[in-house]
């Protein structure tokens, strides 16, 4: 559907950060802004799909160039 525009290092970082934020949601049970941890779904999804809509809008890519 979308062209891949997220490189391997960027992809790994997005997945790790997304998982860490989601884990924070379950570990921080009494926080008043606990729901903000659910924003970790965004970097997790973009990392798993290897595409970022904002990268597409701005014409940015961290994928290696094809020769």
PDB file of N, CA and C in Angstrom:
ATOM      1  N   UNK A   1       0.832  -1.187   0.000  1.00  0.00           N
ATOM      2  CA  UNK A   1       0.000   0.000   0.000  1.00  0.00           C
ATOM      3  C   UNK A   1       0.873   1.246   0.000  1.00  0.00           C
ATOM      4  N   UNK A   2       1.673   1.412   1.022  1.00  0.00           N
ATOM      5  CA  UNK A   2       2.589   2.541   1.092  1.00  0.00           C
ATOM      6  C   UNK A   2       3.985   2.079   0.729  1.00  0.00           C
ATOM      7  N   UNK A   3       4.783   2.986   0.205  1.00  0.00           N
ATOM      8  CA  UNK A   3       6.171   2.656  -0.096  1.00  0.00           C
ATOM      9  C   UNK A   3       6.974   2.632   1.203  1.00  0.00           C
ATOM     10  N   UNK A   4       7.928   1.723   1.289  1.00  0.00           N
ATOM     11  CA  UNK A   4       8.753   1.648   2.489  1.00  0.00           C
ATOM     12  C   UNK A   4       9.690   2.852   2.520  1.00  0.00           C
ATOM     13  N   UNK A   5       9.684   3.566   3.640  1.00  0.00           N
ATOM     14  CA  UNK A   5      10.546   4.730   3.788  1.00  0.00           C
ATOM     15  C   UNK A   5      11.211   4.785   5.163  1.00  0.00           C
ATOM     16  N   UNK A   6      11.201   3.663   5.881  1.00  0.00           N
ATOM     17  CA  UNK A   6      11.822   3.588   7.203  1.00  0.00           C
ATOM     18  C   UNK A   6      12.942   2.556   7.130  1.00  0.00           C
ATOM     19  N   UNK A   7      14.166   2.994   7.419  1.00  0.00           N
ATOM     20  CA  UNK A   7      15.320   2.106   7.373  1.00  0.00           C
ATOM     21  C   UNK A   7      15.383   1.168   8.557  1.00  0.00           C
ATOM     22  N   UNK A   8      16.391   0.299   8.554  1.00  0.00           N
ATOM     23  CA  UNK A   8      16.457  -0.758   9.571  1.00  0.00           C
ATOM     24  C   UNK A   8      16.715  -0.218  10.982  1.00  0.00           C
ATOM     25  N   UNK A   9      17.636   0.708  11.130  1.00  0.00           N
ATOM     26  CA  UNK A   9      17.922   1.258  12.466  1.00  0.00           C
ATOM     27  C   UNK A   9      16.722   2.056  12.968  1.00  0.00           C
ATOM     28  N   UNK A  10      16.152   2.865  12.087  1.00  0.00           N
ATOM     29  CA  UNK A  10      14.968   3.651  12.440  1.00  0.00           C
ATOM     30  C   UNK A  10      13.815   2.720  12.817  1.00  0.00           C
ATOM     31  N   UNK A  11      13.676   1.641  12.097  1.00  0.00           N
ATOM     32  CA  UNK A  11      12.605   0.676  12.354  1.00  0.00           C
ATOM     33  C   UNK A  11      12.769   0.016  13.721  1.00  0.00           C
ATOM     34  N   UNK A  12      13.976  -0.406  14.027  1.00  0.00           N
ATOM     35  CA  UNK A  12      14.240  -1.046  15.323  1.00  0.00           C
ATOM     36  C   UNK A  12      13.972  -0.081  16.469  1.00  0.00           C
ATOM     37  N   UNK A  13      14.418   1.168  16.328  1.00  0.00           N
ATOM     38  CA  UNK A  13      14.186   2.163  17.374  1.00  0.00           C
ATOM     39  C   UNK A  13      12.695   2.424  17.576  1.00  0.00           C
ATOM     40  N   UNK A  14      11.951   2.504  16.495  1.00  0.00           N
ATOM     41  CA  UNK A  14      10.508   2.737  16.606  1.00  0.00           C
ATOM     42  C   UNK A  14       9.817   1.582  17.335  1.00  0.00           C
ATOM     43  N   UNK A  15      10.200   0.357  17.001  1.00  0.00           N
ATOM     44  CA  UNK A  15       9.583  -0.802  17.645  1.00  0.00           C
ATOM     45  C   UNK A  15       9.920  -0.841  19.133  1.00  0.00           C
ATOM     46  N   UNK A  16      11.176  -0.587  19.479  1.00  0.00           N
ATOM     47  CA  UNK A  16      11.595  -0.618  20.888  1.00  0.00           C
ATOM     48  C   UNK A  16      10.899   0.484  21.681  1.00  0.00           C
ATOM     49  N   UNK A  17      10.851   1.684  21.132  1.00  0.00           N
ATOM     50  CA  UNK A  17      10.203   2.799  21.829  1.00  0.00           C
ATOM     51  C   UNK A  17       8.707   2.542  21.967  1.00  0.00           C
ATOM     52  N   UNK A  18       8.082   2.031  20.922  1.00  0.00           N
ATOM     53  CA  UNK A  18       6.654   1.716  20.985  1.00  0.00           C
ATOM     54  C   UNK A  18       6.348   0.683  22.044  1.00  0.00           C
ATOM     55  N   UNK A  19       7.147  -0.389  22.077  1.00  0.00           N
ATOM     56  CA  UNK A  19       6.930  -1.427  23.089  1.00  0.00           C
ATOM     57  C   UNK A  19       7.186  -0.908  24.500  1.00  0.00           C
ATOM     58  N   UNK A  20       8.191  -0.051  24.660  1.00  0.00           N
ATOM     59  CA  UNK A  20       8.490   0.511  25.980  1.00  0.00           C
ATOM     60  C   UNK A  20       7.340   1.392  26.472  1.00  0.00           C
ATOM     61  N   UNK A  21       6.772   2.189  25.581  1.00  0.00           N
ATOM     62  CA  UNK A  21       5.653   3.040  25.982  1.00  0.00           C
ATOM     63  C   UNK A  21       4.415   2.206  26.342  1.00  0.00           C
ATOM     64  N   UNK A  22       4.151   1.185  25.572  1.00  0.00           N
ATOM     65  CA  UNK A  22       3.003   0.330  25.872  1.00  0.00           C
ATOM     66  C   UNK A  22       3.228  -0.420  27.185  1.00  0.00           C
ATOM     67  N   UNK A  23       4.455  -0.858  27.438  1.00  0.00           N
ATOM     68  CA  UNK A  23       4.763  -1.507  28.723  1.00  0.00           C
ATOM     69  C   UNK A  23       4.573  -0.525  29.866  1.00  0.00           C
ATOM     70  N   UNK A  24       4.940   0.737  29.649  1.00  0.00           N
ATOM     71  CA  UNK A  24       4.730   1.765  30.671  1.00  0.00           C
ATOM     72  C   UNK A  24       3.259   1.936  31.010  1.00  0.00           C
ATOM     73  N   UNK A  25       2.388   1.758  30.035  1.00  0.00           N
ATOM     74  CA  UNK A  25       0.950   1.850  30.278  1.00  0.00           C
ATOM     75  C   UNK A  25       0.506   0.789  31.276  1.00  0.00           C
ATOM     76  N   UNK A  26       1.020  -0.427  31.121  1.00  0.00           N
ATOM     77  CA  UNK A  26       0.609  -1.507  32.013  1.00  0.00           C
ATOM     78  C   UNK A  26       1.334  -1.469  33.351  1.00  0.00           C
ATOM     79  N   UNK A  27       2.515  -0.891  33.404  1.00  0.00           N
ATOM     80  CA  UNK A  27       3.272  -0.841  34.651  1.00  0.00           C
ATOM     81  C   UNK A  27       2.891   0.351  35.528  1.00  0.00           C
ATOM     82  N   UNK A  28       2.433   1.419  34.936  1.00  0.00           N
ATOM     83  CA  UNK A  28       2.049   2.624  35.679  1.00  0.00           C
ATOM     84  C   UNK A  28       0.537   2.625  35.854  1.00  0.00           C
ATOM     85  N   UNK A  29       0.064   1.859  36.823  1.00  0.00           N
ATOM     86  CA  UNK A  29      -1.385   1.663  36.975  1.00  0.00           C
ATOM     87  C   UNK A  29      -2.099   2.818  37.658  1.00  0.00           C
ATOM     88  N   UNK A  30      -1.397   3.642  38.407  1.00  0.00           N
ATOM     89  CA  UNK A  30      -2.087   4.700  39.148  1.00  0.00           C
ATOM     90  C   UNK A  30      -1.798   6.105  38.622  1.00  0.00           C
ATOM     91  N   UNK A  31      -1.190   6.229  37.467  1.00  0.00           N
ATOM     92  CA  UNK A  31      -0.871   7.543  36.909  1.00  0.00           C
ATOM     93  C   UNK A  31      -2.096   8.224  36.317  1.00  0.00           C
ATOM     94  N   UNK A  32      -2.170   9.533  36.493  1.00  0.00           N
ATOM     95  CA  UNK A  32      -3.335  10.259  35.985  1.00  0.00           C
ATOM     96  C   UNK A  32      -3.267  10.451  34.471  1.00  0.00           C
ATOM     97  N   UNK A  33      -2.084  10.492  33.904  1.00  0.00           N
ATOM     98  CA  UNK A  33      -1.924  10.619  32.457  1.00  0.00           C
ATOM     99  C   UNK A  33      -1.446   9.308  31.848  1.00  0.00           C
ATOM    100  N   UNK A  34      -1.889   8.234  32.396  1.00  0.00           N
ATOM    101  CA  UNK A  34      -1.491   6.893  31.974  1.00  0.00           C
ATOM    102  C   UNK A  34      -1.824   6.628  30.512  1.00  0.00           C
ATOM    103  N   UNK A  35      -2.890   7.183  30.010  1.00  0.00           N
ATOM    104  CA  UNK A  35      -3.345   6.961  28.647  1.00  0.00           C
ATOM    105  C   UNK A  35      -2.345   7.475  27.614  1.00  0.00           C
ATOM    106  N   UNK A  36      -1.477   8.398  27.996  1.00  0.00           N
ATOM    107  CA  UNK A  36      -0.483   8.922  27.049  1.00  0.00           C
ATOM    108  C   UNK A  36       0.499   7.843  26.603  1.00  0.00           C
ATOM    109  N   UNK A  37       0.686   6.834  27.440  1.00  0.00           N
ATOM    110  CA  UNK A  37       1.573   5.740  27.049  1.00  0.00           C
ATOM    111  C   UNK A  37       1.032   4.987  25.836  1.00  0.00           C
ATOM    112  N   UNK A  38      -0.268   5.046  25.611  1.00  0.00           N
ATOM    113  CA  UNK A  38      -0.857   4.357  24.471  1.00  0.00           C
ATOM    114  C   UNK A  38      -0.451   4.986  23.138  1.00  0.00           C
ATOM    115  N   UNK A  39       0.147   6.155  23.185  1.00  0.00           N
ATOM    116  CA  UNK A  39       0.682   6.748  21.959  1.00  0.00           C
ATOM    117  C   UNK A  39       1.843   5.921  21.406  1.00  0.00           C
ATOM    118  N   UNK A  40       2.329   4.978  22.185  1.00  0.00           N
ATOM    119  CA  UNK A  40       3.366   4.066  21.724  1.00  0.00           C
ATOM    120  C   UNK A  40       2.889   3.174  20.592  1.00  0.00           C
ATOM    121  N   UNK A  41       1.585   3.109  20.373  1.00  0.00           N
ATOM    122  CA  UNK A  41       1.045   2.322  19.266  1.00  0.00           C
ATOM    123  C   UNK A  41       1.497   2.922  17.925  1.00  0.00           C
ATOM    124  N   UNK A  42       1.664   4.232  17.869  1.00  0.00           N
ATOM    125  CA  UNK A  42       2.044   4.905  16.618  1.00  0.00           C
ATOM    126  C   UNK A  42       3.450   4.497  16.174  1.00  0.00           C
ATOM    127  N   UNK A  43       4.490   4.674  17.011  1.00  0.00           N
ATOM    128  CA  UNK A  43       5.811   4.234  16.537  1.00  0.00           C
ATOM    129  C   UNK A  43       5.892   2.723  16.338  1.00  0.00           C
ATOM    130  N   UNK A  44       5.143   1.956  17.129  1.00  0.00           N
ATOM    131  CA  UNK A  44       5.143   0.509  16.949  1.00  0.00           C
ATOM    132  C   UNK A  44       4.549   0.134  15.590  1.00  0.00           C
ATOM    133  N   UNK A  45       3.439   0.733  15.231  1.00  0.00           N
ATOM    134  CA  UNK A  45       2.797   0.426  13.944  1.00  0.00           C
ATOM    135  C   UNK A  45       3.660   0.868  12.773  1.00  0.00           C
ATOM    136  N   UNK A  46       4.235   2.068  12.853  1.00  0.00           N
ATOM    137  CA  UNK A  46       5.071   2.537  11.743  1.00  0.00           C
ATOM    138  C   UNK A  46       6.347   1.710  11.628  1.00  0.00           C
ATOM    139  N   UNK A  47       6.850   1.226  12.740  1.00  0.00           N
ATOM    140  CA  UNK A  47       8.030   0.368  12.702  1.00  0.00           C
ATOM    141  C   UNK A  47       7.728  -0.997  12.119  1.00  0.00           C
ATOM    142  N   UNK A  48       6.583  -1.558  12.465  1.00  0.00           N
ATOM    143  CA  UNK A  48       6.213  -2.873  11.951  1.00  0.00           C
ATOM    144  C   UNK A  48       5.853  -2.829  10.461  1.00  0.00           C
ATOM    145  N   UNK A  49       5.276  -1.717  10.010  1.00  0.00           N
ATOM    146  CA  UNK A  49       4.898  -1.595   8.606  1.00  0.00           C
ATOM    147  C   UNK A  49       6.031  -1.047   7.732  1.00  0.00           C
ATOM    148  N   UNK A  50       7.096  -0.546   8.353  1.00  0.00           N
ATOM    149  CA  UNK A  50       8.237   0.055   7.653  1.00  0.00           C
ATOM    150  C   UNK A  50       7.851   1.256   6.801  1.00  0.00           C
ATOM    151  N   UNK A  51       6.831   1.949   7.207  1.00  0.00           N
ATOM    152  CA  UNK A  51       6.420   3.147   6.491  1.00  0.00           C
ATOM    153  C   UNK A  51       5.921   4.189   7.488  1.00  0.00           C
ATOM    154  N   UNK A  52       6.217   5.438   7.193  1.00  0.00           N
ATOM    155  CA  UNK A  52       5.801   6.535   8.056  1.00  0.00           C
ATOM    156  C   UNK A  52       5.079   7.573   7.194  1.00  0.00           C
ATOM    157  N   UNK A  53       3.813   7.861   7.491  1.00  0.00           N
ATOM    158  CA  UNK A  53       3.071   8.835   6.690  1.00  0.00           C
ATOM    159  C   UNK A  53       3.706  10.233   6.695  1.00  0.00           C
ATOM    160  N   UNK A  54       4.282  10.636   7.814  1.00  0.00           N
ATOM    161  CA  UNK A  54       4.928  11.952   7.848  1.00  0.00           C
ATOM    162  C   UNK A  54       6.164  11.997   6.963  1.00  0.00           C
ATOM    163  N   UNK A  55       6.917  10.907   6.909  1.00  0.00           N
ATOM    164  CA  UNK A  55       8.050  10.836   5.996  1.00  0.00           C
ATOM    165  C   UNK A  55       7.574  10.994   4.558  1.00  0.00           C
ATOM    166  N   UNK A  56       6.447  10.393   4.214  1.00  0.00           N
ATOM    167  CA  UNK A  56       5.908  10.500   2.858  1.00  0.00           C
ATOM    168  C   UNK A  56       5.505  11.929   2.537  1.00  0.00           C
ATOM    169  N   UNK A  57       4.881  12.606   3.480  1.00  0.00           N
ATOM    170  CA  UNK A  57       4.442  13.984   3.259  1.00  0.00           C
ATOM    171  C   UNK A  57       5.629  14.902   3.007  1.00  0.00           C
ATOM    172  N   UNK A  58       6.687  14.740   3.796  1.00  0.00           N
ATOM    173  CA  UNK A  58       7.851  15.616   3.673  1.00  0.00           C
ATOM    174  C   UNK A  58       8.896  15.095   2.692  1.00  0.00           C
ATOM    175  N   UNK A  59       8.664  13.929   2.088  1.00  0.00           N
ATOM    176  CA  UNK A  59       9.596  13.378   1.107  1.00  0.00           C
ATOM    177  C   UNK A  59      10.892  12.898   1.716  1.00  0.00           C
ATOM    178  N   UNK A  60      10.836  12.394   2.917  1.00  0.00           N
ATOM    179  CA  UNK A  60      12.013  11.945   3.655  1.00  0.00           C
ATOM    180  C   UNK A  60      12.033  10.431   3.676  1.00  0.00           C
ATOM    181  N   UNK A  61      13.220   9.828   3.678  1.00  0.00           N
ATOM    182  CA  UNK A  61      13.340   8.381   3.733  1.00  0.00           C
ATOM    183  C   UNK A  61      14.641   8.010   4.424  1.00  0.00           C
ATOM    184  N   UNK A  62      14.599   6.980   5.276  1.00  0.00           N
ATOM    185  CA  UNK A  62      15.812   6.487   5.923  1.00  0.00           C
ATOM    186  C   UNK A  62      16.219   5.129   5.356  1.00  0.00           C
ATOM    187  N   UNK A  63      15.509   4.683   4.307  1.00  0.00           N
ATOM    188  CA  UNK A  63      15.870   3.437   3.638  1.00  0.00           C
ATOM    189  C   UNK A  63      17.124   3.660   2.791  1.00  0.00           C
ATOM    190  N   UNK A  64      17.964   2.641   2.684  1.00  0.00           N
ATOM    191  CA  UNK A  64      19.123   2.782   1.802  1.00  0.00           C
ATOM    192  C   UNK A  64      18.682   2.910   0.351  1.00  0.00           C
ATOM    193  N   UNK A  65      19.456   3.640  -0.415  1.00  0.00           N
ATOM    194  CA  UNK A  65      19.129   3.859  -1.824  1.00  0.00           C
ATOM    195  C   UNK A  65      19.309   2.589  -2.629  1.00  0.00           C
ATOM    196  N   UNK A  66      18.401   2.346  -3.564  1.00  0.00           N
ATOM    197  CA  UNK A  66      18.507   1.182  -4.444  1.00  0.00           C
ATOM    198  C   UNK A  66      19.417   1.530  -5.619  1.00  0.00           C
ATOM    199  N   UNK A  67      20.266   0.578  -5.995  1.00  0.00           N
ATOM    200  CA  UNK A  67      21.185   0.835  -7.111  1.00  0.00           C
ATOM    201  C   UNK A  67      20.767   0.082  -8.327  1.00  0.00           C
TER     202      UNK A  67
END
